[in-house]
Amino acid sequence: MTENTLEKWVAALATELDLDIADVDVQALLDVARDAAHSVVRPAAPLATFLVGYAAGRRGAAGDDLTPECDRASALARDWVAE
C-alpha cells in the first residue's frame, strides 16, 4: 500500500463516517498500532487505536488532541511483557 492509497482510504472513510479529520494526527495513531502490533500481538493494533480514539472522544478531544492517549497506549505497549 502506498502513502497515497492510505491517504485516500482515510479521507474516504472519514467522509463515510461523517468525520472531519483534517487535524487528526494519523501518524500518531499509526505509531500506536505499530507499538501494539510489535510489542503485544498483531490483533492488538486495531483494538489499541480504537480504544485511543474512544478514550479521546470521551475526554472531549478534537482533532490532533490525541497525544495523551497515544502516548499512554504506546508506552503500555512498549513496556508490555507477555505472560
N, C-alpha and C. Protein backbone atom coordinates (compact mmCIF):
# COMPACT_ATOMS: atom_id res chain seq x y z
N MET A 1 0.86 -1.18 0.00
CA MET A 1 0.00 0.00 0.00
C MET A 1 0.90 1.23 0.00
N THR A 2 0.58 2.16 -0.85
CA THR A 2 1.36 3.39 -0.91
C THR A 2 0.77 4.42 0.05
N GLU A 3 1.56 5.42 0.34
CA GLU A 3 1.10 6.52 1.20
C GLU A 3 -0.13 7.18 0.60
N ASN A 4 -0.14 7.33 -0.71
CA ASN A 4 -1.27 7.95 -1.39
C ASN A 4 -2.54 7.11 -1.20
N THR A 5 -2.41 5.79 -1.28
CA THR A 5 -3.55 4.90 -1.07
C THR A 5 -4.08 5.06 0.34
N LEU A 6 -3.18 5.10 1.30
CA LEU A 6 -3.59 5.26 2.70
C LEU A 6 -4.31 6.59 2.91
N GLU A 7 -3.77 7.66 2.36
CA GLU A 7 -4.40 8.97 2.49
C GLU A 7 -5.80 8.97 1.87
N LYS A 8 -5.93 8.37 0.70
CA LYS A 8 -7.23 8.31 0.04
C LYS A 8 -8.22 7.48 0.86
N TRP A 9 -7.76 6.36 1.41
CA TRP A 9 -8.62 5.50 2.22
C TRP A 9 -9.10 6.24 3.46
N VAL A 10 -8.19 6.91 4.15
CA VAL A 10 -8.56 7.64 5.37
C VAL A 10 -9.55 8.75 5.04
N ALA A 11 -9.32 9.46 3.96
CA ALA A 11 -10.25 10.53 3.55
C ALA A 11 -11.63 9.96 3.22
N ALA A 12 -11.65 8.85 2.47
CA ALA A 12 -12.94 8.25 2.10
C ALA A 12 -13.67 7.72 3.34
N LEU A 13 -12.94 7.09 4.24
CA LEU A 13 -13.57 6.57 5.46
C LEU A 13 -14.10 7.70 6.33
N ALA A 14 -13.33 8.76 6.45
CA ALA A 14 -13.79 9.91 7.23
C ALA A 14 -15.08 10.49 6.65
N THR A 15 -15.13 10.59 5.33
CA THR A 15 -16.34 11.08 4.68
C THR A 15 -17.50 10.14 4.95
N GLU A 16 -17.26 8.85 4.81
CA GLU A 16 -18.30 7.84 5.03
C GLU A 16 -18.84 7.90 6.46
N LEU A 17 -17.96 8.16 7.42
CA LEU A 17 -18.34 8.20 8.83
C LEU A 17 -18.74 9.61 9.29
N ASP A 18 -18.78 10.55 8.34
CA ASP A 18 -19.14 11.94 8.64
C ASP A 18 -18.23 12.55 9.69
N LEU A 19 -16.92 12.38 9.48
CA LEU A 19 -15.92 12.92 10.40
C LEU A 19 -15.05 13.94 9.68
N ASP A 20 -14.65 14.97 10.39
CA ASP A 20 -13.68 15.92 9.88
C ASP A 20 -12.35 15.58 10.53
N ILE A 21 -11.47 14.96 9.78
CA ILE A 21 -10.20 14.53 10.36
C ILE A 21 -9.03 15.36 9.86
N ALA A 22 -9.31 16.54 9.39
CA ALA A 22 -8.24 17.38 8.86
C ALA A 22 -7.12 17.61 9.87
N ASP A 23 -7.46 17.66 11.14
CA ASP A 23 -6.44 17.92 12.16
C ASP A 23 -6.05 16.69 12.96
N VAL A 24 -6.53 15.51 12.56
CA VAL A 24 -6.20 14.28 13.29
C VAL A 24 -4.77 13.87 12.97
N ASP A 25 -4.03 13.53 13.99
CA ASP A 25 -2.65 13.09 13.83
C ASP A 25 -2.64 11.61 13.46
N VAL A 26 -2.78 11.33 12.18
CA VAL A 26 -2.85 9.96 11.69
C VAL A 26 -1.55 9.23 12.01
N GLN A 27 -0.41 9.90 11.90
CA GLN A 27 0.87 9.25 12.18
C GLN A 27 0.95 8.78 13.63
N ALA A 28 0.41 9.55 14.56
CA ALA A 28 0.43 9.14 15.96
C ALA A 28 -0.39 7.86 16.16
N LEU A 29 -1.53 7.77 15.47
CA LEU A 29 -2.34 6.55 15.56
C LEU A 29 -1.62 5.36 14.92
N LEU A 30 -0.94 5.59 13.81
CA LEU A 30 -0.17 4.52 13.19
C LEU A 30 0.97 4.07 14.10
N ASP A 31 1.56 5.01 14.82
CA ASP A 31 2.63 4.65 15.76
C ASP A 31 2.09 3.78 16.90
N VAL A 32 0.91 4.11 17.40
CA VAL A 32 0.29 3.28 18.44
C VAL A 32 0.03 1.87 17.89
N ALA A 33 -0.50 1.80 16.68
CA ALA A 33 -0.76 0.49 16.07
C ALA A 33 0.53 -0.30 15.92
N ARG A 34 1.58 0.34 15.48
CA ARG A 34 2.88 -0.32 15.34
C ARG A 34 3.38 -0.86 16.67
N ASP A 35 3.32 0.00 17.70
CA ASP A 35 3.80 -0.42 19.01
C ASP A 35 3.01 -1.60 19.56
N ALA A 36 1.69 -1.55 19.39
CA ALA A 36 0.85 -2.64 19.88
C ALA A 36 1.10 -3.93 19.10
N ALA A 37 1.21 -3.81 17.79
CA ALA A 37 1.41 -5.00 16.95
C ALA A 37 2.76 -5.66 17.22
N HIS A 38 3.78 -4.86 17.43
CA HIS A 38 5.13 -5.41 17.59
C HIS A 38 5.44 -5.81 19.03
N SER A 39 4.83 -5.15 19.99
CA SER A 39 5.17 -5.41 21.39
C SER A 39 4.17 -6.32 22.10
N VAL A 40 2.96 -6.39 21.61
CA VAL A 40 1.92 -7.20 22.25
C VAL A 40 1.63 -8.37 21.30
N VAL A 41 0.62 -8.25 20.49
CA VAL A 41 0.32 -9.19 19.40
C VAL A 41 -0.34 -8.38 18.29
N ARG A 42 -0.25 -8.86 17.07
CA ARG A 42 -0.78 -8.10 15.93
C ARG A 42 -2.23 -7.67 16.09
N PRO A 43 -3.13 -8.54 16.59
CA PRO A 43 -4.52 -8.09 16.73
C PRO A 43 -4.71 -6.96 17.74
N ALA A 44 -3.69 -6.67 18.53
CA ALA A 44 -3.80 -5.56 19.47
C ALA A 44 -3.80 -4.21 18.76
N ALA A 45 -3.27 -4.14 17.56
CA ALA A 45 -3.13 -2.87 16.84
C ALA A 45 -4.47 -2.17 16.59
N PRO A 46 -5.43 -2.83 15.94
CA PRO A 46 -6.69 -2.12 15.69
C PRO A 46 -7.46 -1.84 16.98
N LEU A 47 -7.36 -2.74 17.93
CA LEU A 47 -8.05 -2.51 19.20
C LEU A 47 -7.44 -1.33 19.94
N ALA A 48 -6.12 -1.23 19.91
CA ALA A 48 -5.45 -0.12 20.59
C ALA A 48 -5.85 1.22 19.99
N THR A 49 -5.87 1.30 18.65
CA THR A 49 -6.22 2.58 18.03
C THR A 49 -7.69 2.92 18.25
N PHE A 50 -8.55 1.91 18.24
CA PHE A 50 -9.96 2.17 18.55
C PHE A 50 -10.10 2.71 19.96
N LEU A 51 -9.45 2.07 20.92
CA LEU A 51 -9.57 2.50 22.31
C LEU A 51 -8.97 3.88 22.54
N VAL A 52 -7.89 4.20 21.84
CA VAL A 52 -7.32 5.55 21.92
C VAL A 52 -8.36 6.57 21.45
N GLY A 53 -8.98 6.31 20.31
CA GLY A 53 -10.00 7.23 19.80
C GLY A 53 -11.21 7.32 20.71
N TYR A 54 -11.60 6.19 21.24
CA TYR A 54 -12.75 6.17 22.14
C TYR A 54 -12.46 6.97 23.41
N ALA A 55 -11.28 6.75 23.97
CA ALA A 55 -10.90 7.50 25.19
C ALA A 55 -10.81 8.99 24.90
N ALA A 56 -10.22 9.35 23.77
CA ALA A 56 -10.11 10.76 23.41
C ALA A 56 -11.49 11.38 23.22
N GLY A 57 -12.38 10.63 22.57
CA GLY A 57 -13.74 11.11 22.37
C GLY A 57 -14.47 11.32 23.69
N ARG A 58 -14.30 10.41 24.60
CA ARG A 58 -14.95 10.54 25.91
C ARG A 58 -14.39 11.74 26.66
N ARG A 59 -13.12 12.04 26.44
CA ARG A 59 -12.49 13.19 27.09
C ARG A 59 -12.93 14.49 26.43
N GLY A 60 -13.50 14.38 25.24
CA GLY A 60 -13.92 15.59 24.52
C GLY A 60 -12.81 16.15 23.65
N ALA A 61 -11.84 15.32 23.33
CA ALA A 61 -10.73 15.75 22.49
C ALA A 61 -11.22 16.02 21.08
N ALA A 62 -10.50 16.85 20.38
CA ALA A 62 -10.82 17.16 19.00
C ALA A 62 -9.54 17.18 18.18
N GLY A 63 -9.65 16.75 16.94
CA GLY A 63 -8.52 16.84 16.03
C GLY A 63 -7.28 16.14 16.51
N ASP A 64 -6.19 16.88 16.55
CA ASP A 64 -4.90 16.28 16.90
C ASP A 64 -4.68 16.21 18.41
N ASP A 65 -5.73 16.34 19.17
CA ASP A 65 -5.64 16.28 20.63
C ASP A 65 -5.69 14.84 21.14
N LEU A 66 -5.04 13.93 20.39
CA LEU A 66 -4.97 12.53 20.77
C LEU A 66 -3.66 12.20 21.49
N THR A 67 -2.80 13.19 21.63
CA THR A 67 -1.47 12.94 22.15
C THR A 67 -1.45 12.24 23.49
N PRO A 68 -2.23 12.66 24.50
CA PRO A 68 -2.16 11.96 25.78
C PRO A 68 -2.52 10.49 25.68
N GLU A 69 -3.57 10.18 24.94
CA GLU A 69 -3.97 8.79 24.81
C GLU A 69 -2.96 7.98 23.99
N CYS A 70 -2.45 8.58 22.93
CA CYS A 70 -1.45 7.89 22.11
C CYS A 70 -0.20 7.61 22.91
N ASP A 71 0.25 8.59 23.67
CA ASP A 71 1.46 8.40 24.48
C ASP A 71 1.28 7.29 25.50
N ARG A 72 0.14 7.29 26.16
CA ARG A 72 -0.12 6.27 27.18
C ARG A 72 -0.22 4.89 26.56
N ALA A 73 -0.92 4.77 25.43
CA ALA A 73 -1.09 3.48 24.77
C ALA A 73 0.24 2.94 24.24
N SER A 74 1.03 3.79 23.63
CA SER A 74 2.32 3.35 23.12
C SER A 74 3.26 2.93 24.25
N ALA A 75 3.26 3.69 25.32
CA ALA A 75 4.12 3.34 26.46
C ALA A 75 3.72 1.99 27.04
N LEU A 76 2.44 1.76 27.20
CA LEU A 76 1.97 0.48 27.71
C LEU A 76 2.37 -0.65 26.78
N ALA A 77 2.20 -0.46 25.48
CA ALA A 77 2.55 -1.49 24.52
C ALA A 77 4.06 -1.78 24.54
N ARG A 78 4.87 -0.73 24.53
CA ARG A 78 6.32 -0.93 24.52
C ARG A 78 6.81 -1.62 25.77
N ASP A 79 6.15 -1.39 26.90
CA ASP A 79 6.57 -2.00 28.16
C ASP A 79 5.90 -3.35 28.42
N TRP A 80 5.05 -3.78 27.50
CA TRP A 80 4.26 -5.00 27.70
C TRP A 80 5.16 -6.23 27.79
N VAL A 81 4.91 -7.04 28.79
CA VAL A 81 5.61 -8.31 28.94
C VAL A 81 4.55 -9.40 28.88
N ALA A 82 4.64 -10.25 27.85
CA ALA A 82 3.65 -11.32 27.69
C ALA A 82 3.81 -12.34 28.79
N GLU A 83 2.69 -12.84 29.20
CA GLU A 83 2.70 -13.86 30.25
C GLU A 83 2.83 -15.23 29.66
